[in-house]
Amino acid sequence: MGRDFSLIARRCERAVVVAYRELRTVGTADMDAFRACTTLYRIHHPEASLNEARRLVAEWIDHHVVRAEQGPTPGCDCD
């Protein structure tokens, strides 16, 4: 885990990034972790389409995990 979690403003975004990292740490395959995080996002946002959830989760994983950036990300309007 990194210190960047406290910098992620949206609870759903933080939950997705934390879950993805933890799943990968325990050996979960990338696509299985991605699918689980998409489901997690849709629990926070049941109004979101599957495609919208996949797009946001992919953007957040790319931003926080792949590129290890800490700035703001595009996404939903929740806190």
N, C-alpha and C. Protein backbone atom coordinates (compact mmCIF):
# COMPACT_ATOMS: atom_id res chain seq x y z
N MET A 1 0.84 -1.17 0.00
CA MET A 1 0.00 0.00 0.00
C MET A 1 0.89 1.24 0.00
N GLY A 2 0.32 2.32 -0.42
CA GLY A 2 1.09 3.55 -0.44
C GLY A 2 0.38 4.64 0.32
N ARG A 3 1.07 5.72 0.49
CA ARG A 3 0.50 6.86 1.20
C ARG A 3 -0.54 7.57 0.35
N ASP A 4 -0.60 7.27 -0.94
CA ASP A 4 -1.51 7.98 -1.84
C ASP A 4 -2.97 7.75 -1.52
N PHE A 5 -3.31 6.75 -0.74
CA PHE A 5 -4.71 6.47 -0.47
C PHE A 5 -5.39 7.62 0.25
N SER A 6 -4.68 8.30 1.12
CA SER A 6 -5.28 9.42 1.83
C SER A 6 -5.53 10.61 0.90
N LEU A 7 -4.87 10.63 -0.26
CA LEU A 7 -5.03 11.71 -1.21
C LEU A 7 -6.19 11.49 -2.18
N ILE A 8 -6.76 10.30 -2.19
CA ILE A 8 -7.86 10.00 -3.09
C ILE A 8 -9.14 10.49 -2.43
N ALA A 9 -9.75 11.49 -3.05
CA ALA A 9 -10.88 12.17 -2.43
C ALA A 9 -12.16 11.34 -2.45
N ARG A 10 -12.44 10.67 -3.55
CA ARG A 10 -13.70 9.92 -3.66
C ARG A 10 -13.60 8.59 -2.92
N ARG A 11 -14.58 8.32 -2.08
CA ARG A 11 -14.58 7.05 -1.35
C ARG A 11 -14.65 5.86 -2.28
N CYS A 12 -15.46 5.94 -3.33
CA CYS A 12 -15.57 4.81 -4.25
C CYS A 12 -14.25 4.59 -4.99
N GLU A 13 -13.58 5.66 -5.35
CA GLU A 13 -12.29 5.54 -6.04
C GLU A 13 -11.25 4.93 -5.11
N ARG A 14 -11.22 5.39 -3.87
CA ARG A 14 -10.29 4.85 -2.89
C ARG A 14 -10.56 3.36 -2.66
N ALA A 15 -11.84 3.01 -2.53
CA ALA A 15 -12.20 1.61 -2.31
C ALA A 15 -11.76 0.74 -3.48
N VAL A 16 -11.94 1.23 -4.69
CA VAL A 16 -11.54 0.47 -5.88
C VAL A 16 -10.03 0.27 -5.92
N VAL A 17 -9.27 1.32 -5.69
CA VAL A 17 -7.81 1.23 -5.76
C VAL A 17 -7.26 0.32 -4.66
N VAL A 18 -7.77 0.49 -3.45
CA VAL A 18 -7.33 -0.37 -2.34
C VAL A 18 -7.67 -1.82 -2.63
N ALA A 19 -8.89 -2.08 -3.06
CA ALA A 19 -9.30 -3.46 -3.35
C ALA A 19 -8.44 -4.07 -4.46
N TYR A 20 -8.20 -3.32 -5.52
CA TYR A 20 -7.40 -3.83 -6.63
C TYR A 20 -6.00 -4.19 -6.15
N ARG A 21 -5.37 -3.29 -5.43
CA ARG A 21 -4.01 -3.56 -4.94
C ARG A 21 -3.98 -4.76 -4.01
N GLU A 22 -4.95 -4.86 -3.11
CA GLU A 22 -4.97 -5.98 -2.17
C GLU A 22 -5.23 -7.30 -2.90
N LEU A 23 -6.13 -7.30 -3.84
CA LEU A 23 -6.39 -8.52 -4.61
C LEU A 23 -5.16 -8.96 -5.38
N ARG A 24 -4.47 -8.03 -6.00
CA ARG A 24 -3.25 -8.37 -6.75
C ARG A 24 -2.15 -8.86 -5.82
N THR A 25 -2.07 -8.27 -4.63
CA THR A 25 -1.05 -8.66 -3.65
C THR A 25 -1.22 -10.12 -3.22
N VAL A 26 -2.46 -10.57 -3.11
CA VAL A 26 -2.69 -11.96 -2.68
C VAL A 26 -2.74 -12.93 -3.85
N GLY A 27 -2.40 -12.46 -5.05
CA GLY A 27 -2.27 -13.36 -6.19
C GLY A 27 -3.46 -13.46 -7.12
N THR A 28 -4.45 -12.62 -6.95
CA THR A 28 -5.60 -12.63 -7.85
C THR A 28 -5.15 -12.15 -9.23
N ALA A 29 -5.60 -12.82 -10.26
CA ALA A 29 -5.25 -12.45 -11.63
C ALA A 29 -5.79 -11.04 -11.93
N ASP A 30 -5.10 -10.36 -12.83
CA ASP A 30 -5.44 -8.98 -13.17
C ASP A 30 -6.91 -8.82 -13.57
N MET A 31 -7.38 -9.62 -14.50
CA MET A 31 -8.76 -9.47 -14.97
C MET A 31 -9.78 -9.83 -13.89
N ASP A 32 -9.47 -10.80 -13.05
CA ASP A 32 -10.37 -11.13 -11.95
C ASP A 32 -10.45 -9.97 -10.95
N ALA A 33 -9.31 -9.36 -10.66
CA ALA A 33 -9.29 -8.20 -9.76
C ALA A 33 -10.05 -7.03 -10.38
N PHE A 34 -9.86 -6.83 -11.68
CA PHE A 34 -10.57 -5.76 -12.39
C PHE A 34 -12.08 -5.98 -12.34
N ARG A 35 -12.52 -7.21 -12.59
CA ARG A 35 -13.96 -7.50 -12.54
C ARG A 35 -14.52 -7.29 -11.14
N ALA A 36 -13.76 -7.71 -10.12
CA ALA A 36 -14.22 -7.52 -8.74
C ALA A 36 -14.34 -6.03 -8.41
N CYS A 37 -13.40 -5.25 -8.88
CA CYS A 37 -13.44 -3.80 -8.62
C CYS A 37 -14.55 -3.12 -9.40
N THR A 38 -14.86 -3.62 -10.57
CA THR A 38 -16.00 -3.08 -11.32
C THR A 38 -17.29 -3.35 -10.55
N THR A 39 -17.41 -4.53 -10.00
CA THR A 39 -18.57 -4.87 -9.17
C THR A 39 -18.62 -3.97 -7.94
N LEU A 40 -17.48 -3.76 -7.31
CA LEU A 40 -17.41 -2.89 -6.15
C LEU A 40 -17.87 -1.48 -6.49
N TYR A 41 -17.41 -0.96 -7.62
CA TYR A 41 -17.84 0.37 -8.04
C TYR A 41 -19.35 0.42 -8.22
N ARG A 42 -19.92 -0.61 -8.81
CA ARG A 42 -21.37 -0.63 -9.05
C ARG A 42 -22.16 -0.79 -7.77
N ILE A 43 -21.56 -1.31 -6.73
CA ILE A 43 -22.21 -1.34 -5.41
C ILE A 43 -22.32 0.08 -4.88
N HIS A 44 -21.25 0.86 -5.06
CA HIS A 44 -21.27 2.28 -4.65
C HIS A 44 -22.19 3.10 -5.55
N HIS A 45 -22.27 2.71 -6.83
CA HIS A 45 -23.04 3.46 -7.83
C HIS A 45 -23.91 2.51 -8.66
N PRO A 46 -25.02 2.04 -8.09
CA PRO A 46 -25.88 1.11 -8.83
C PRO A 46 -26.49 1.72 -10.09
N GLU A 47 -26.51 3.03 -10.17
CA GLU A 47 -27.05 3.70 -11.35
C GLU A 47 -26.10 3.65 -12.54
N ALA A 48 -24.84 3.31 -12.30
CA ALA A 48 -23.83 3.29 -13.37
C ALA A 48 -24.00 2.06 -14.26
N SER A 49 -23.82 2.28 -15.55
CA SER A 49 -23.83 1.15 -16.48
C SER A 49 -22.56 0.35 -16.31
N LEU A 50 -22.58 -0.87 -16.78
CA LEU A 50 -21.39 -1.71 -16.72
C LEU A 50 -20.24 -1.07 -17.49
N ASN A 51 -20.53 -0.50 -18.65
CA ASN A 51 -19.47 0.14 -19.44
C ASN A 51 -18.89 1.35 -18.72
N GLU A 52 -19.72 2.15 -18.09
CA GLU A 52 -19.23 3.31 -17.34
C GLU A 52 -18.35 2.85 -16.18
N ALA A 53 -18.79 1.83 -15.47
CA ALA A 53 -18.01 1.30 -14.35
C ALA A 53 -16.67 0.77 -14.83
N ARG A 54 -16.67 0.03 -15.91
CA ARG A 54 -15.40 -0.51 -16.45
C ARG A 54 -14.45 0.62 -16.84
N ARG A 55 -14.98 1.65 -17.48
CA ARG A 55 -14.14 2.76 -17.92
C ARG A 55 -13.50 3.48 -16.73
N LEU A 56 -14.30 3.80 -15.71
CA LEU A 56 -13.77 4.50 -14.54
C LEU A 56 -12.77 3.65 -13.78
N VAL A 57 -13.10 2.39 -13.57
CA VAL A 57 -12.18 1.50 -12.85
C VAL A 57 -10.86 1.39 -13.60
N ALA A 58 -10.92 1.23 -14.92
CA ALA A 58 -9.70 1.15 -15.72
C ALA A 58 -8.88 2.44 -15.61
N GLU A 59 -9.55 3.59 -15.66
CA GLU A 59 -8.85 4.88 -15.54
C GLU A 59 -8.19 5.01 -14.18
N TRP A 60 -8.91 4.64 -13.12
CA TRP A 60 -8.35 4.77 -11.78
C TRP A 60 -7.18 3.82 -11.55
N ILE A 61 -7.29 2.58 -12.02
CA ILE A 61 -6.19 1.63 -11.87
C ILE A 61 -4.98 2.12 -12.65
N ASP A 62 -5.22 2.58 -13.87
CA ASP A 62 -4.11 3.10 -14.67
C ASP A 62 -3.45 4.29 -13.97
N HIS A 63 -4.25 5.20 -13.48
CA HIS A 63 -3.73 6.42 -12.85
C HIS A 63 -2.96 6.11 -11.57
N HIS A 64 -3.58 5.39 -10.64
CA HIS A 64 -3.01 5.18 -9.31
C HIS A 64 -2.03 4.02 -9.23
N VAL A 65 -2.28 2.95 -9.98
CA VAL A 65 -1.46 1.75 -9.85
C VAL A 65 -0.40 1.68 -10.94
N VAL A 66 -0.81 1.77 -12.19
CA VAL A 66 0.12 1.61 -13.31
C VAL A 66 1.09 2.79 -13.38
N ARG A 67 0.54 4.01 -13.40
CA ARG A 67 1.38 5.20 -13.55
C ARG A 67 1.81 5.81 -12.22
N ALA A 68 1.22 5.35 -11.12
CA ALA A 68 1.54 5.82 -9.76
C ALA A 68 1.45 7.34 -9.64
N GLU A 69 0.45 7.92 -10.28
CA GLU A 69 0.24 9.37 -10.18
C GLU A 69 -0.64 9.69 -8.98
N GLN A 70 -0.51 10.89 -8.47
CA GLN A 70 -1.25 11.27 -7.26
C GLN A 70 -2.24 12.39 -7.48
N GLY A 71 -2.27 12.99 -8.63
CA GLY A 71 -3.18 14.09 -8.90
C GLY A 71 -4.61 13.63 -9.04
N PRO A 72 -5.52 14.58 -9.24
CA PRO A 72 -6.93 14.24 -9.38
C PRO A 72 -7.19 13.45 -10.65
N THR A 73 -8.26 12.68 -10.62
CA THR A 73 -8.65 11.86 -11.76
C THR A 73 -10.06 12.23 -12.21
N PRO A 74 -10.39 11.95 -13.47
CA PRO A 74 -11.78 12.11 -13.89
C PRO A 74 -12.61 11.03 -13.21
N GLY A 75 -13.87 11.28 -13.03
CA GLY A 75 -14.69 10.24 -12.42
C GLY A 75 -16.05 10.72 -12.03
N CYS A 76 -16.60 10.08 -11.05
CA CYS A 76 -17.95 10.38 -10.59
C CYS A 76 -17.95 11.64 -9.74
N ASP A 77 -19.14 12.09 -9.37
CA ASP A 77 -19.29 13.33 -8.62
C ASP A 77 -19.48 13.12 -7.12
N CYS A 78 -19.27 11.93 -6.65
CA CYS A 78 -19.50 11.68 -5.21
C CYS A 78 -18.27 12.08 -4.39
N ASP A 79 -18.44 12.05 -3.07
CA ASP A 79 -17.33 12.37 -2.15
C ASP A 79 -16.64 11.12 -1.72
